[in-house]
Amino acid sequence: MKQLTAAERKLIEPIDRAAMLARTERWSAINSGTRNLAGLALQAGELAEAFAALPGEVELRDPAPVTSVDTEGREVALAHDRHLVLRVRPEAQRRFLLTGHMDTVYPPEHPFQQGRWLDADTYNAPGAADMKGGIAVMLAALQAFEASGASVGYDVMINSDEETGSLSSAALIVELAQGKAAALTYEPSALPDGTLAHSRGGSGNYSLVVTGRAAHAGRNPRDGRNAVVAAGALAVALKSMEHGELSVNPARIEGGSANNMVPDHAVLRFNIRPRTTGAAEIFAVDLDRLVAIVEQGHEVAIARHGGITRPPKPVDARAQALFDLVRDAGADLGQTIAWQPSGGVCDGNNIAACGVPVVDTMGVRGGAIHSPDEYLIASSLAERAALSALVLQRLATEGLP
């Protein structure tokens, strides 16, 4: 622990907790579920106005095309809203990336739509922790950083689809990560005490479309090829592929027909969580083998859709140096910063896969995210903004080892 310099004390003085809280309450009142395009457009407009206070030009980037598989096994377009990008001093030699997301998991029909205070420091509202409070932290930290006379450059990206895997913004993340010295992402802390997420496993979502042959269940069942049975065999075999570095979750089988018909169609949807890149690579080979075995054994055709959308995020030496810098900055502010591995995934996975050191839980302290009990610890707004501002200042002046 060391004493803050006069410049560092001056850096964090202007951070305005009341303004941050007001933004968080206003933004949390906007339903911005990933599929609510009108709500996301409203949220993007609010964010564009707020981030216009920083130098550089705010733009809203169109989403990349994304498809999904419907219940009939057809590949259909999946609509997304635009993503906010701000580029500041793009000519600077040292540049950083800061990311967040404007979408939440709560659709317009979800009963959780309004905020309420549980006590003087605990605000229960949709997206308050994940991550509208985090976006308020990011903005306040950047405003303080700019007021200090910043000369380095940075890009800000706030996407509209993180909660569903960032499929329409993945290419944008890769584009903006190029050449960055470090990145900060504003997911809420891993624990309410401010603990950071350290290494992360990966995640992939798949749909297997099984096409069999219809037949009458009484007259000629042997002429049929049961797609539901084949999908069930796939699900059981996939679950058996789990090991210490891989979890597999067969989540849903769709399809079938009347009880007196051999079903000729089914869709199996499943998720995998590889803890290492090697586990993901082995799974890809094993999946090819399994599909071939089931196709042959059940005399069906199987089409695949999806794959790994969040690569595993190990922590290498450069990333650890960034964690250490955050810890030390926290200590100098009187904050105890620890970290632990996480089974969750976020855009930090995608950034790390580009070779950029990232700490991806720089947002508020809170908890119970993705539930009607989601809450923000309001005092953490200014606390985490000060932490980010100091980290940015030290990255700008000292860099990473």
Foldseek 3Di string as FASTA:
>chain_A
DDADDPLLVQLQVVQDLVVLVVQLQVLLLQAQAFQPQVSVVVSVVVVLVLLVVDPFHKDWAAFAWDWDQDLQRDTDTRDGYTKIKGKFPPVFLAEEEEEAASHANDDPPRPQNHWDDPDPFKIFTGCSQRPSLLVSLVSSLVVSLVVSPDDGIYMYMYYRCFVPQCPRCLVVLLVRLPSHLAYEAAHAAPALLREFAAWEWFKKKKKKKKFWAKDFQPPCCVVTQARQVLLVVVQVVQCVPDDPFKHKAFDDKHFDDDPRMRTGIIMIMMMMTGQAPVVQVVVVVVVVVSQVVSCVVRVIHIDMDIGTSFHTGHQDPQLVQLVVLLQVLCVNVVRHYHYDHDHDTGCVSSSVVSVHRYGHNLHFRWDPGPDSRTMGRSVRSSVSSSSSSVSVVCCSVPNGD
